[in-house]
Amino acid sequence: MATTYRDIKADLLHQITQGQLPPGSTLPNEVELAATYGCARATVNRAMRELADDGFIERRRKAGSRVRDAPVRQARFTIPVTRQEVADLGATYSYALVSRDVAPAPDRLRARLGLAAQDHLLHLVCMHYADGAPYQYENRWINLSATPDAAHFDFAQSGPNEWLIAQVPFTDVQISFHAVPADATLAAHLDCAAGDALFQVERTTRLDRQAVTFVQLSYRPGHRMTTQY
């Protein structure tokens, strides 16, 4: 059976709480841990992120990870899985790929994400449904210089949201929240009138300062977002 991030997290947490990794000690890097546990670096990365989010370790770029002198509670924002969001509403989830294209980064995204002129993006437009009704319109760009495997994945049956969370580690996330009027495209896909107020999330994900993906998520009118800290 493959080692999961939960297995790695549980083992490291056991070592921390039992004093095998005392406060202030430095943890092996992700490559070393991946070799120890016989898994992908992305699996280790997720375990380390959760330990950091839970306040047990401190991660610093280039300096590595160390056990905190004392655990702390931190507010955290976990990238949600749309399928699970819909399931949590008690609804049946479904998905459709609207369009797919590979092209050089548009000027506005190249400037925003710090991309080079030769960088190509995979542009995906997807729809997510709850009980057959429009739930979320996903407009996503994936940097193929950072994640070349995305160019070969078939997103017709499963959306990029789940694939990225499972396959690609990240170190930084920037999130913005907006109230936007529905344009003609959003109105057609979200079954609302042009000009209706919509809740929109913009999220940029990076790995060691390199942009991985930028996404705009637009929700049907009346959407409510709830977070827990």
Protein backbone atom coordinates (compact mmCIF):
# COMPACT_ATOMS: atom_id res chain seq x y z
CA MET A 1 0.00 0.00 0.00
CA ALA A 2 1.35 3.44 -0.94
CA THR A 3 2.39 5.81 1.82
CA THR A 4 -0.05 8.69 2.18
CA TYR A 5 0.55 12.19 3.50
CA ARG A 6 -1.54 11.22 6.54
CA ASP A 7 0.89 8.37 7.29
CA ILE A 8 3.86 10.73 7.07
CA LYS A 9 2.17 13.41 9.15
CA ALA A 10 1.22 10.88 11.84
CA ASP A 11 4.75 9.44 12.00
CA LEU A 12 6.45 12.84 12.23
CA LEU A 13 3.92 14.01 14.81
CA HIS A 14 4.64 10.88 16.86
CA GLN A 15 8.37 11.63 16.71
CA ILE A 16 7.74 15.22 17.81
CA THR A 17 5.41 14.39 20.70
CA GLN A 18 7.64 11.52 21.90
CA GLY A 19 10.77 13.67 21.91
CA GLN A 20 12.53 11.88 19.07
CA LEU A 21 12.39 15.24 17.27
CA PRO A 22 12.81 17.69 20.18
CA PRO A 23 11.91 21.41 20.05
CA GLY A 24 14.30 23.35 17.84
CA SER A 25 15.54 20.31 15.94
CA THR A 26 15.84 20.46 12.16
CA LEU A 27 13.85 18.03 10.03
CA PRO A 28 15.27 16.33 6.93
CA ASN A 29 14.43 18.10 3.68
CA GLU A 30 11.53 16.98 1.49
CA VAL A 31 13.72 15.02 -0.93
CA GLU A 32 15.28 13.06 1.94
CA LEU A 33 11.89 12.40 3.55
CA ALA A 34 10.44 11.25 0.22
CA ALA A 35 13.27 8.73 -0.08
CA THR A 36 12.75 7.59 3.54
CA TYR A 37 9.01 7.05 3.12
CA GLY A 38 9.21 5.81 -0.47
CA CYS A 39 6.78 8.36 -1.86
CA ALA A 40 6.58 11.45 -4.05
CA ARG A 41 7.89 14.79 -2.81
CA ALA A 42 4.39 16.24 -3.24
CA THR A 43 3.11 13.75 -0.63
CA VAL A 44 5.78 14.86 1.84
CA ASN A 45 5.06 18.50 1.06
CA ARG A 46 1.40 18.16 2.00
CA ALA A 47 2.27 16.43 5.29
CA MET A 48 4.76 19.18 6.14
CA ARG A 49 2.27 21.90 5.24
CA GLU A 50 -0.32 20.45 7.58
CA LEU A 51 2.19 20.11 10.42
CA ALA A 52 3.12 23.76 9.89
CA ASP A 53 -0.53 24.80 9.73
CA ASP A 54 -1.18 22.92 12.97
CA GLY A 55 1.69 24.81 14.62
CA PHE A 56 4.09 21.90 15.24
CA ILE A 57 6.85 22.89 12.82
CA GLU A 58 8.15 26.08 11.27
CA ARG A 59 9.07 26.20 7.60
CA ARG A 60 11.44 28.78 6.17
CA ARG A 61 12.44 29.07 2.55
CA LYS A 62 16.08 27.96 2.08
CA ALA A 63 16.49 27.44 5.85
CA GLY A 64 14.46 24.23 6.01
CA SER A 65 11.94 23.08 8.62
CA ARG A 66 12.38 22.82 12.36
CA VAL A 67 10.25 21.75 15.29
CA ARG A 68 8.73 24.73 17.06
CA ASP A 69 9.80 25.44 20.63
CA ALA A 70 6.10 25.37 21.56
CA PRO A 71 3.11 24.44 19.39
CA VAL A 72 0.98 27.38 18.29
CA ARG A 73 -2.48 27.63 16.78
CA GLN A 74 -2.60 29.39 13.46
CA ALA A 75 -5.47 30.56 11.30
CA ARG A 76 -5.26 28.70 8.00
CA PHE A 77 -6.98 28.63 4.65
CA THR A 78 -7.02 25.22 3.02
CA ILE A 79 -7.52 25.08 -0.73
CA PRO A 80 -10.98 23.53 -0.97
CA VAL A 81 -11.96 20.65 -3.23
CA THR A 82 -15.08 21.67 -5.14
CA ARG A 83 -16.39 18.11 -5.23
CA GLN A 84 -16.27 18.02 -1.42
CA GLU A 85 -17.86 21.46 -1.11
CA VAL A 86 -20.86 20.22 -3.07
CA ALA A 87 -21.02 16.96 -1.11
CA ASP A 88 -20.98 18.93 2.16
CA LEU A 89 -24.14 20.69 0.94
CA GLY A 90 -25.81 17.28 0.64
CA ALA A 91 -25.92 17.63 -3.14
CA THR A 92 -24.74 15.43 -6.00
CA TYR A 93 -21.64 16.73 -7.74
CA SER A 94 -21.05 16.78 -11.49
CA TYR A 95 -18.45 18.40 -13.72
CA ALA A 96 -17.95 19.51 -17.33
CA LEU A 97 -14.92 20.76 -19.23
CA VAL A 98 -16.05 23.73 -21.32
CA SER A 99 -12.82 24.51 -23.18
CA ARG A 100 -9.11 23.72 -23.24
CA ASP A 101 -6.28 25.60 -24.95
CA VAL A 102 -2.49 25.97 -24.76
CA ALA A 103 -1.05 29.36 -25.62
CA PRO A 104 1.58 31.89 -24.58
CA ALA A 105 0.68 33.79 -21.43
CA PRO A 106 -1.51 36.85 -22.09
CA ASP A 107 0.23 40.13 -21.26
CA ARG A 108 -1.89 40.76 -18.17
CA LEU A 109 -1.10 37.34 -16.70
CA ARG A 110 2.56 37.46 -17.68
CA ALA A 111 2.92 40.70 -15.73
CA ARG A 112 0.81 39.51 -12.81
CA LEU A 113 2.53 36.15 -12.43
CA GLY A 114 6.07 37.16 -13.37
CA LEU A 115 6.19 34.87 -16.40
CA ALA A 116 8.58 34.98 -19.33
CA ALA A 117 7.40 35.60 -22.90
CA GLN A 118 8.15 31.99 -23.83
CA ASP A 119 6.11 30.53 -20.97
CA HIS A 120 3.01 28.70 -22.17
CA LEU A 121 -0.17 28.31 -20.16
CA LEU A 122 -2.82 25.63 -20.22
CA HIS A 123 -6.12 27.52 -20.17
CA LEU A 124 -9.09 25.54 -18.87
CA VAL A 125 -12.69 26.65 -18.46
CA CYS A 126 -14.76 24.27 -16.35
CA MET A 127 -18.23 24.08 -14.86
CA HIS A 128 -19.13 22.47 -11.54
CA TYR A 129 -22.73 21.53 -10.67
CA ALA A 130 -24.72 20.70 -7.55
CA ASP A 131 -27.76 18.50 -8.20
CA GLY A 132 -27.52 19.52 -11.84
CA ALA A 133 -27.68 23.26 -11.11
CA PRO A 134 -24.71 25.57 -11.84
CA TYR A 135 -22.49 25.92 -8.77
CA GLN A 136 -19.10 27.27 -9.88
CA TYR A 137 -17.54 28.61 -13.08
CA GLU A 138 -13.78 27.90 -13.07
CA ASN A 139 -11.50 29.94 -15.33
CA ARG A 140 -7.97 28.59 -14.80
CA TRP A 141 -4.48 29.04 -16.22
CA ILE A 142 -1.72 26.51 -15.42
CA ASN A 143 1.94 27.38 -15.98
CA LEU A 144 3.35 24.50 -18.03
CA SER A 145 6.92 25.57 -17.23
CA ALA A 146 6.16 24.71 -13.59
CA THR A 147 3.83 21.76 -14.17
CA PRO A 148 4.55 20.15 -17.57
CA ASP A 149 2.56 17.01 -16.67
CA ALA A 150 -0.65 19.06 -16.84
CA ALA A 151 -0.31 19.23 -20.63
CA HIS A 152 -0.81 15.46 -20.86
CA PHE A 153 -3.61 15.01 -18.33
CA ASP A 154 -7.17 14.52 -19.58
CA PHE A 155 -9.28 17.03 -17.69
CA ALA A 156 -12.47 15.96 -19.46
CA GLN A 157 -13.51 13.67 -16.62
CA SER A 158 -11.87 15.30 -13.60
CA GLY A 159 -11.18 18.96 -12.95
CA PRO A 160 -7.82 20.68 -12.45
CA ASN A 161 -8.73 21.61 -8.87
CA GLU A 162 -8.40 18.04 -7.63
CA TRP A 163 -5.46 17.17 -9.87
CA LEU A 164 -3.36 20.12 -8.72
CA ILE A 165 -4.06 19.53 -5.03
CA ALA A 166 -3.05 15.88 -5.35
CA GLN A 167 -0.06 16.26 -7.67
CA VAL A 168 1.62 19.65 -7.31
CA PRO A 169 3.18 21.02 -4.10
CA PHE A 170 2.98 24.72 -3.32
CA THR A 171 4.70 27.09 -0.94
CA ASP A 172 2.65 30.30 -1.30
CA VAL A 173 -0.97 31.13 -2.02
CA GLN A 174 -2.47 34.58 -2.65
CA ILE A 175 -6.26 34.87 -2.49
CA SER A 176 -8.56 37.79 -3.32
CA PHE A 177 -12.33 37.99 -2.89
CA HIS A 178 -14.57 40.13 -5.09
CA ALA A 179 -18.16 41.04 -5.75
CA VAL A 180 -18.50 41.25 -9.55
CA PRO A 181 -21.39 41.79 -11.95
CA ALA A 182 -22.14 38.85 -14.22
CA ASP A 183 -21.10 39.44 -17.81
CA ALA A 184 -22.80 37.64 -20.68
CA THR A 185 -20.52 34.57 -20.40
CA LEU A 186 -20.95 34.15 -16.66
CA ALA A 187 -24.69 34.77 -16.88
CA ALA A 188 -25.07 32.03 -19.51
CA HIS A 189 -23.09 29.47 -17.52
CA LEU A 190 -24.40 30.30 -14.04
CA ASP A 191 -28.03 30.62 -15.14
CA CYS A 192 -28.46 34.21 -13.95
CA ALA A 193 -29.07 37.61 -15.50
CA ALA A 194 -26.30 39.81 -16.84
CA GLY A 195 -25.44 42.35 -14.16
CA ASP A 196 -26.38 40.08 -11.24
CA ALA A 197 -23.95 40.29 -8.33
CA LEU A 198 -21.65 37.27 -8.08
CA PHE A 199 -19.09 36.15 -5.53
CA GLN A 200 -15.68 35.61 -7.16
CA VAL A 201 -12.41 34.23 -5.79
CA GLU A 202 -9.04 34.82 -7.47
CA ARG A 203 -6.21 32.55 -6.33
CA THR A 204 -2.54 32.42 -7.33
CA THR A 205 -0.46 29.42 -6.24
CA ARG A 206 3.34 29.39 -6.33
CA LEU A 207 6.13 26.89 -5.69
CA ASP A 208 9.32 28.59 -4.48
CA ARG A 209 8.22 31.89 -6.11
CA GLN A 210 7.40 30.28 -9.47
CA ALA A 211 3.75 30.67 -10.45
CA VAL A 212 1.96 27.32 -10.72
CA THR A 213 -1.62 28.35 -11.41
CA PHE A 214 -3.99 31.31 -11.44
CA VAL A 215 -7.74 30.77 -11.22
CA GLN A 216 -10.92 32.81 -11.12
CA LEU A 217 -13.81 31.00 -9.43
CA SER A 218 -17.24 32.56 -9.94
CA TYR A 219 -20.24 31.30 -8.00
CA ARG A 220 -23.96 31.44 -8.69
CA PRO A 221 -25.95 34.24 -7.00
CA GLY A 222 -26.54 33.67 -3.30
CA HIS A 223 -23.36 31.70 -2.67
CA ARG A 224 -22.08 31.80 0.92
CA MET A 225 -18.49 31.06 1.92
CA THR A 226 -17.80 29.84 5.47
CA THR A 227 -14.35 29.24 6.99
CA GLN A 228 -13.31 27.74 10.30
CA TYR A 229 -10.22 28.69 12.31
